[in-house]
N, C-alpha and C. Protein backbone atom coordinates (compact mmCIF):
# COMPACT_ATOMS: atom_id res chain seq x y z
N MET A 1 39.15 4.51 18.60
CA MET A 1 39.92 3.42 18.05
C MET A 1 41.07 3.98 17.22
N ILE A 2 42.25 3.44 17.42
CA ILE A 2 43.43 3.86 16.67
C ILE A 2 43.85 2.72 15.76
N ARG A 3 44.14 3.07 14.50
CA ARG A 3 44.63 2.06 13.57
C ARG A 3 45.61 2.70 12.59
N GLU A 4 46.43 1.87 11.97
CA GLU A 4 47.38 2.36 10.98
C GLU A 4 46.63 2.78 9.72
N ILE A 5 47.04 3.92 9.15
CA ILE A 5 46.41 4.46 7.94
C ILE A 5 47.50 4.83 6.93
N SER A 6 47.09 5.24 5.74
CA SER A 6 48.05 5.66 4.72
C SER A 6 48.41 7.14 4.91
N ALA A 7 49.51 7.53 4.29
CA ALA A 7 49.92 8.94 4.33
C ALA A 7 48.81 9.81 3.75
N PHE A 8 48.23 9.38 2.65
CA PHE A 8 47.18 10.16 1.99
C PHE A 8 45.98 10.38 2.92
N GLU A 9 45.63 9.38 3.70
CA GLU A 9 44.50 9.52 4.62
C GLU A 9 44.75 10.59 5.68
N THR A 10 46.01 10.85 6.03
CA THR A 10 46.30 11.86 7.05
C THR A 10 45.91 13.26 6.58
N TYR A 11 45.86 13.48 5.28
CA TYR A 11 45.59 14.82 4.75
C TYR A 11 44.25 15.38 5.21
N ALA A 12 43.28 14.51 5.46
CA ALA A 12 41.96 14.96 5.90
C ALA A 12 42.01 15.71 7.23
N VAL A 13 43.05 15.43 8.02
CA VAL A 13 43.23 16.15 9.29
C VAL A 13 44.41 17.12 9.20
N ARG A 14 45.46 16.74 8.50
CA ARG A 14 46.62 17.63 8.36
C ARG A 14 46.22 18.99 7.77
N GLN A 15 45.40 18.95 6.72
CA GLN A 15 45.09 20.21 6.04
C GLN A 15 44.32 21.19 6.92
N PRO A 16 43.18 20.81 7.51
CA PRO A 16 42.45 21.82 8.30
C PRO A 16 43.15 22.24 9.59
N VAL A 17 43.97 21.35 10.17
CA VAL A 17 44.60 21.67 11.45
C VAL A 17 45.99 22.29 11.27
N LEU A 18 46.81 21.69 10.41
CA LEU A 18 48.20 22.11 10.28
C LEU A 18 48.48 23.00 9.08
N ARG A 19 47.65 22.94 8.06
CA ARG A 19 47.87 23.72 6.84
C ARG A 19 46.59 24.43 6.38
N PRO A 20 45.87 25.10 7.30
CA PRO A 20 44.61 25.74 6.90
C PRO A 20 44.82 26.79 5.81
N GLY A 21 43.96 26.75 4.81
CA GLY A 21 44.05 27.71 3.73
C GLY A 21 45.13 27.42 2.71
N LYS A 22 45.88 26.36 2.90
CA LYS A 22 46.95 26.01 1.96
C LYS A 22 46.50 24.84 1.09
N PRO A 23 47.12 24.69 -0.06
CA PRO A 23 46.73 23.58 -0.94
C PRO A 23 47.04 22.22 -0.31
N VAL A 24 46.30 21.22 -0.72
CA VAL A 24 46.46 19.88 -0.16
C VAL A 24 47.88 19.35 -0.37
N GLU A 25 48.55 19.80 -1.43
CA GLU A 25 49.92 19.37 -1.69
C GLU A 25 50.87 19.74 -0.54
N SER A 26 50.53 20.77 0.21
CA SER A 26 51.38 21.19 1.33
C SER A 26 51.33 20.20 2.49
N CYS A 27 50.42 19.24 2.42
CA CYS A 27 50.27 18.24 3.48
C CYS A 27 51.26 17.09 3.33
N TYR A 28 51.92 16.99 2.19
CA TYR A 28 52.89 15.92 1.98
C TYR A 28 54.17 16.24 2.73
N PHE A 29 54.68 15.28 3.50
CA PHE A 29 55.96 15.42 4.19
C PHE A 29 56.96 14.48 3.54
N GLU A 30 58.19 14.95 3.38
CA GLU A 30 59.23 14.09 2.85
C GLU A 30 59.36 12.86 3.74
N GLY A 31 59.34 11.69 3.15
CA GLY A 31 59.42 10.45 3.90
C GLY A 31 58.07 9.82 4.21
N ASP A 32 56.98 10.51 3.87
CA ASP A 32 55.64 9.97 4.12
C ASP A 32 55.46 8.57 3.54
N ASP A 33 56.02 8.35 2.38
CA ASP A 33 55.81 7.07 1.69
C ASP A 33 56.92 6.06 1.92
N SER A 34 57.84 6.35 2.83
CA SER A 34 58.90 5.41 3.15
C SER A 34 58.29 4.17 3.82
N PRO A 35 58.79 2.98 3.49
CA PRO A 35 58.28 1.77 4.13
C PRO A 35 58.45 1.77 5.66
N ALA A 36 59.42 2.54 6.16
CA ALA A 36 59.67 2.59 7.60
C ALA A 36 58.73 3.56 8.34
N THR A 37 58.06 4.44 7.60
CA THR A 37 57.17 5.43 8.21
C THR A 37 55.81 4.80 8.49
N LYS A 38 55.28 5.12 9.67
CA LYS A 38 53.95 4.63 10.05
C LYS A 38 53.05 5.82 10.35
N HIS A 39 51.82 5.72 9.89
CA HIS A 39 50.81 6.75 10.11
C HIS A 39 49.66 6.12 10.89
N PHE A 40 49.20 6.81 11.92
CA PHE A 40 48.11 6.30 12.74
C PHE A 40 46.98 7.31 12.79
N GLY A 41 45.76 6.78 12.79
CA GLY A 41 44.59 7.62 12.87
C GLY A 41 43.70 7.22 14.04
N PHE A 42 43.12 8.21 14.68
CA PHE A 42 42.14 8.00 15.75
C PHE A 42 40.77 8.22 15.12
N PHE A 43 39.91 7.22 15.26
CA PHE A 43 38.59 7.27 14.65
C PHE A 43 37.51 7.41 15.71
N ASP A 44 36.57 8.31 15.44
CA ASP A 44 35.35 8.46 16.23
C ASP A 44 34.27 7.84 15.36
N GLY A 45 33.95 6.60 15.61
CA GLY A 45 33.07 5.87 14.69
C GLY A 45 33.83 5.66 13.39
N GLU A 46 33.27 6.15 12.30
CA GLU A 46 33.91 6.04 10.99
C GLU A 46 34.73 7.28 10.64
N GLN A 47 34.63 8.33 11.45
CA GLN A 47 35.29 9.60 11.13
C GLN A 47 36.71 9.66 11.69
N LEU A 48 37.67 9.97 10.82
CA LEU A 48 39.05 10.18 11.23
C LEU A 48 39.13 11.56 11.87
N VAL A 49 39.54 11.61 13.14
CA VAL A 49 39.53 12.89 13.86
C VAL A 49 40.91 13.29 14.40
N GLY A 50 41.87 12.35 14.42
CA GLY A 50 43.20 12.66 14.91
C GLY A 50 44.23 11.81 14.19
N ILE A 51 45.43 12.36 14.05
CA ILE A 51 46.49 11.65 13.32
C ILE A 51 47.85 11.90 13.95
N VAL A 52 48.76 11.00 13.68
CA VAL A 52 50.17 11.19 14.02
C VAL A 52 50.98 10.28 13.10
N SER A 53 52.17 10.77 12.70
CA SER A 53 53.05 10.00 11.84
C SER A 53 54.38 9.79 12.55
N LEU A 54 54.93 8.58 12.43
CA LEU A 54 56.18 8.21 13.06
C LEU A 54 57.21 7.87 11.99
N PHE A 55 58.30 8.63 11.98
CA PHE A 55 59.36 8.48 11.00
C PHE A 55 60.63 7.96 11.67
N GLU A 56 61.38 7.11 11.00
CA GLU A 56 62.74 6.80 11.44
C GLU A 56 63.57 7.95 10.90
N SER A 57 64.09 8.77 11.81
CA SER A 57 64.78 9.98 11.38
C SER A 57 65.88 10.35 12.36
N SER A 58 67.11 10.30 11.89
CA SER A 58 68.26 10.62 12.74
C SER A 58 68.85 11.96 12.32
N ILE A 59 69.18 12.77 13.34
CA ILE A 59 69.92 13.99 13.08
C ILE A 59 71.12 14.02 14.02
N ARG A 60 72.19 14.66 13.60
CA ARG A 60 73.43 14.67 14.38
C ARG A 60 73.31 15.45 15.68
N PHE A 61 72.29 16.25 15.81
CA PHE A 61 72.07 17.02 17.03
C PHE A 61 71.98 16.11 18.25
N PHE A 62 71.46 14.89 18.04
CA PHE A 62 71.31 13.92 19.12
C PHE A 62 72.35 12.82 18.97
N ARG A 63 72.85 12.33 20.10
CA ARG A 63 73.85 11.26 20.08
C ARG A 63 73.23 9.88 19.94
N GLU A 64 71.98 9.75 20.34
CA GLU A 64 71.30 8.45 20.30
C GLU A 64 71.27 7.90 18.88
N LYS A 65 71.41 6.58 18.79
CA LYS A 65 71.45 5.94 17.47
C LYS A 65 70.08 5.55 16.94
N ASN A 66 69.17 5.19 17.80
CA ASN A 66 67.86 4.68 17.40
C ASN A 66 66.81 5.80 17.51
N GLN A 67 66.86 6.74 16.55
CA GLN A 67 66.02 7.94 16.60
C GLN A 67 64.76 7.81 15.76
N PHE A 68 63.68 8.35 16.32
CA PHE A 68 62.39 8.42 15.63
C PHE A 68 61.86 9.83 15.78
N GLN A 69 61.13 10.26 14.77
CA GLN A 69 60.56 11.61 14.78
C GLN A 69 59.05 11.53 14.56
N ILE A 70 58.33 12.32 15.35
CA ILE A 70 56.90 12.49 15.13
C ILE A 70 56.71 13.70 14.23
N ARG A 71 55.81 13.56 13.28
CA ARG A 71 55.42 14.69 12.43
C ARG A 71 53.91 14.62 12.24
N GLY A 72 53.33 15.76 12.04
CA GLY A 72 51.92 15.82 11.68
C GLY A 72 50.95 15.40 12.76
N MET A 73 51.28 15.59 14.02
CA MET A 73 50.34 15.29 15.11
C MET A 73 49.23 16.33 15.05
N ALA A 74 48.00 15.89 14.92
CA ALA A 74 46.89 16.83 14.81
C ALA A 74 45.57 16.17 15.19
N VAL A 75 44.69 16.97 15.79
CA VAL A 75 43.34 16.54 16.14
C VAL A 75 42.39 17.63 15.65
N LEU A 76 41.32 17.23 14.99
CA LEU A 76 40.34 18.21 14.51
C LEU A 76 39.86 19.08 15.67
N ALA A 77 39.64 20.36 15.41
CA ALA A 77 39.23 21.31 16.45
C ALA A 77 38.01 20.82 17.21
N SER A 78 37.08 20.19 16.52
CA SER A 78 35.84 19.71 17.15
C SER A 78 36.08 18.57 18.14
N HIS A 79 37.26 17.98 18.11
CA HIS A 79 37.56 16.83 18.97
C HIS A 79 38.73 17.07 19.92
N GLN A 80 39.22 18.29 19.98
CA GLN A 80 40.33 18.60 20.86
C GLN A 80 39.86 18.65 22.32
N LYS A 81 40.83 18.47 23.21
CA LYS A 81 40.58 18.48 24.67
C LYS A 81 39.70 17.31 25.12
N LYS A 82 39.80 16.19 24.40
CA LYS A 82 39.03 15.00 24.74
C LYS A 82 39.93 13.78 24.96
N GLY A 83 41.25 14.01 25.06
CA GLY A 83 42.18 12.92 25.31
C GLY A 83 42.67 12.20 24.06
N ILE A 84 42.29 12.67 22.89
CA ILE A 84 42.67 12.00 21.64
C ILE A 84 44.16 12.16 21.38
N GLY A 85 44.69 13.36 21.56
CA GLY A 85 46.12 13.59 21.36
C GLY A 85 46.95 12.74 22.29
N GLU A 86 46.53 12.66 23.54
CA GLU A 86 47.25 11.84 24.51
C GLU A 86 47.19 10.36 24.13
N ALA A 87 46.03 9.91 23.64
CA ALA A 87 45.89 8.51 23.22
C ALA A 87 46.80 8.21 22.03
N LEU A 88 46.91 9.14 21.09
CA LEU A 88 47.79 8.94 19.94
C LEU A 88 49.25 8.88 20.38
N MET A 89 49.64 9.75 21.30
CA MET A 89 51.02 9.73 21.79
C MET A 89 51.30 8.45 22.56
N GLN A 90 50.34 7.98 23.33
CA GLN A 90 50.53 6.72 24.06
C GLN A 90 50.69 5.56 23.08
N HIS A 91 49.95 5.61 21.98
CA HIS A 91 50.06 4.58 20.95
C HIS A 91 51.49 4.58 20.35
N ILE A 92 52.02 5.76 20.08
CA ILE A 92 53.39 5.87 19.56
C ILE A 92 54.38 5.31 20.58
N GLU A 93 54.19 5.69 21.84
CA GLU A 93 55.10 5.19 22.88
C GLU A 93 55.04 3.67 22.99
N ASN A 94 53.86 3.10 22.86
CA ASN A 94 53.72 1.64 22.88
C ASN A 94 54.46 1.01 21.71
N GLU A 95 54.39 1.65 20.54
CA GLU A 95 55.12 1.16 19.37
C GLU A 95 56.63 1.15 19.65
N LEU A 96 57.10 2.20 20.33
CA LEU A 96 58.54 2.33 20.57
C LEU A 96 59.04 1.45 21.70
N GLN A 97 58.16 0.92 22.51
CA GLN A 97 58.59 0.02 23.59
C GLN A 97 59.26 -1.22 23.02
N GLN A 98 58.95 -1.56 21.79
CA GLN A 98 59.54 -2.73 21.14
C GLN A 98 60.95 -2.44 20.61
N GLU A 99 61.29 -1.16 20.50
CA GLU A 99 62.60 -0.76 20.00
C GLU A 99 63.58 -0.66 21.16
N LYS A 100 64.81 -1.00 20.92
CA LYS A 100 65.83 -0.93 21.97
C LYS A 100 66.41 0.49 22.02
N ASN A 101 66.37 1.10 23.20
CA ASN A 101 66.92 2.45 23.40
C ASN A 101 66.39 3.46 22.38
N ALA A 102 65.09 3.45 22.16
CA ALA A 102 64.48 4.38 21.23
C ALA A 102 64.52 5.80 21.78
N PHE A 103 64.73 6.74 20.89
CA PHE A 103 64.76 8.16 21.23
C PHE A 103 63.76 8.85 20.32
N LEU A 104 62.77 9.49 20.90
CA LEU A 104 61.71 10.14 20.13
C LEU A 104 61.87 11.64 20.22
N TRP A 105 61.86 12.30 19.07
CA TRP A 105 61.99 13.75 19.03
C TRP A 105 61.01 14.32 18.01
N PHE A 106 60.75 15.61 18.14
CA PHE A 106 59.87 16.29 17.20
C PHE A 106 59.97 17.79 17.40
N ASN A 107 59.48 18.52 16.43
CA ASN A 107 59.38 19.97 16.49
C ASN A 107 57.95 20.30 16.87
N ALA A 108 57.76 20.86 18.07
CA ALA A 108 56.43 21.16 18.57
C ALA A 108 56.10 22.64 18.39
N ARG A 109 54.90 22.89 17.91
CA ARG A 109 54.45 24.28 17.84
C ARG A 109 54.42 24.85 19.25
N GLU A 110 54.70 26.12 19.35
CA GLU A 110 54.72 26.79 20.65
C GLU A 110 53.42 26.57 21.42
N SER A 111 52.31 26.58 20.72
CA SER A 111 51.00 26.40 21.37
C SER A 111 50.80 25.00 21.94
N ALA A 112 51.60 24.02 21.51
CA ALA A 112 51.43 22.64 21.96
C ALA A 112 52.45 22.20 23.02
N VAL A 113 53.40 23.06 23.34
CA VAL A 113 54.47 22.68 24.27
C VAL A 113 53.91 22.24 25.62
N GLY A 114 52.92 22.95 26.14
CA GLY A 114 52.33 22.59 27.43
C GLY A 114 51.73 21.20 27.42
N PHE A 115 51.06 20.84 26.34
CA PHE A 115 50.47 19.51 26.20
C PHE A 115 51.56 18.44 26.29
N TYR A 116 52.64 18.62 25.53
CA TYR A 116 53.70 17.62 25.50
C TYR A 116 54.44 17.54 26.83
N ARG A 117 54.65 18.66 27.48
CA ARG A 117 55.30 18.63 28.80
C ARG A 117 54.46 17.85 29.80
N LYS A 118 53.14 18.04 29.72
CA LYS A 118 52.22 17.36 30.63
C LYS A 118 52.34 15.84 30.52
N ILE A 119 52.70 15.34 29.34
CA ILE A 119 52.79 13.89 29.16
C ILE A 119 54.24 13.40 29.14
N GLY A 120 55.15 14.23 29.69
CA GLY A 120 56.51 13.74 29.94
C GLY A 120 57.60 14.08 28.96
N TYR A 121 57.35 14.98 28.03
CA TYR A 121 58.39 15.37 27.07
C TYR A 121 59.08 16.64 27.56
N GLU A 122 60.34 16.79 27.14
CA GLU A 122 61.09 17.98 27.55
C GLU A 122 61.53 18.76 26.33
N THR A 123 61.70 20.06 26.52
CA THR A 123 62.18 20.91 25.43
C THR A 123 63.70 20.95 25.47
N LEU A 124 64.29 21.12 24.29
CA LEU A 124 65.74 21.25 24.16
C LEU A 124 66.04 22.51 23.36
N GLY A 125 66.96 23.31 23.83
CA GLY A 125 67.40 24.48 23.07
C GLY A 125 66.40 25.61 23.05
N ASP A 126 66.69 26.55 22.19
CA ASP A 126 65.89 27.76 22.05
C ASP A 126 64.78 27.57 21.03
N PRO A 127 63.74 28.41 21.12
CA PRO A 127 62.68 28.34 20.11
C PRO A 127 63.23 28.75 18.74
N PHE A 128 62.59 28.28 17.69
CA PHE A 128 62.99 28.64 16.33
C PHE A 128 61.74 28.78 15.48
N ASP A 129 61.88 29.47 14.38
CA ASP A 129 60.75 29.74 13.51
C ASP A 129 60.79 28.85 12.28
N ILE A 130 59.65 28.28 11.92
CA ILE A 130 59.53 27.50 10.69
C ILE A 130 58.66 28.30 9.73
N GLY A 131 59.30 28.91 8.77
CA GLY A 131 58.63 29.66 7.71
C GLY A 131 57.35 30.35 8.11
N ASP A 132 56.30 30.07 7.37
CA ASP A 132 55.01 30.70 7.65
C ASP A 132 54.14 29.87 8.58
N ILE A 133 54.76 28.92 9.31
CA ILE A 133 54.01 28.07 10.24
C ILE A 133 54.08 28.61 11.66
N GLY A 134 55.25 29.11 12.09
CA GLY A 134 55.34 29.71 13.40
C GLY A 134 56.49 29.19 14.25
N THR A 135 56.48 29.60 15.52
CA THR A 135 57.52 29.26 16.47
C THR A 135 57.39 27.82 16.94
N HIS A 136 58.52 27.13 17.00
CA HIS A 136 58.58 25.73 17.41
C HIS A 136 59.68 25.51 18.44
N TYR A 137 59.58 24.39 19.14
CA TYR A 137 60.59 23.93 20.07
C TYR A 137 60.90 22.47 19.75
N VAL A 138 62.18 22.09 19.86
CA VAL A 138 62.52 20.67 19.77
C VAL A 138 62.15 20.04 21.10
N MET A 139 61.43 18.92 21.04
CA MET A 139 61.04 18.20 22.24
C MET A 139 61.44 16.74 22.08
N CYS A 140 61.65 16.04 23.20
CA CYS A 140 62.11 14.67 23.10
C CYS A 140 61.79 13.86 24.35
N LYS A 141 61.99 12.54 24.20
CA LYS A 141 61.85 11.58 25.30
C LYS A 141 62.63 10.34 24.90
N LYS A 142 63.33 9.75 25.87
CA LYS A 142 64.10 8.51 25.63
C LYS A 142 63.37 7.33 26.24
N PHE A 143 63.37 6.22 25.51
CA PHE A 143 62.73 4.98 25.97
C PHE A 143 63.83 3.92 26.10
N GLU A 144 63.92 3.32 27.26
CA GLU A 144 64.99 2.33 27.48
C GLU A 144 64.43 0.95 27.65
């Protein structure tokens, strides 16, 4: 089951998956508390096991006007390879179907590029490094 959750609730998955060994404060993303930002959680019974956050975020790199960014996509290790990530992405895509000419972009970890390509996203440009997190690729998809 997928439902909207608070930014704070995402930390239970963000920390062990995306920020292991780092303080919980590192789980906060700029814009988490914006009224336009939506956070979704995938629940296995009562347990939150997967998350994704959708931000209204425009950068000049893209020409599209109606830009959205995914941040913090994560599934607990114990629940990976069970279709949860794909279900969360489908949920985001369903949300964007209501937007006119929506353009979805994000910075994908190198290890996740294959997953995103499998579900229809493409990479743009060269890989780049994000501090102590690792190599990333910009990925995107347009919804008309």
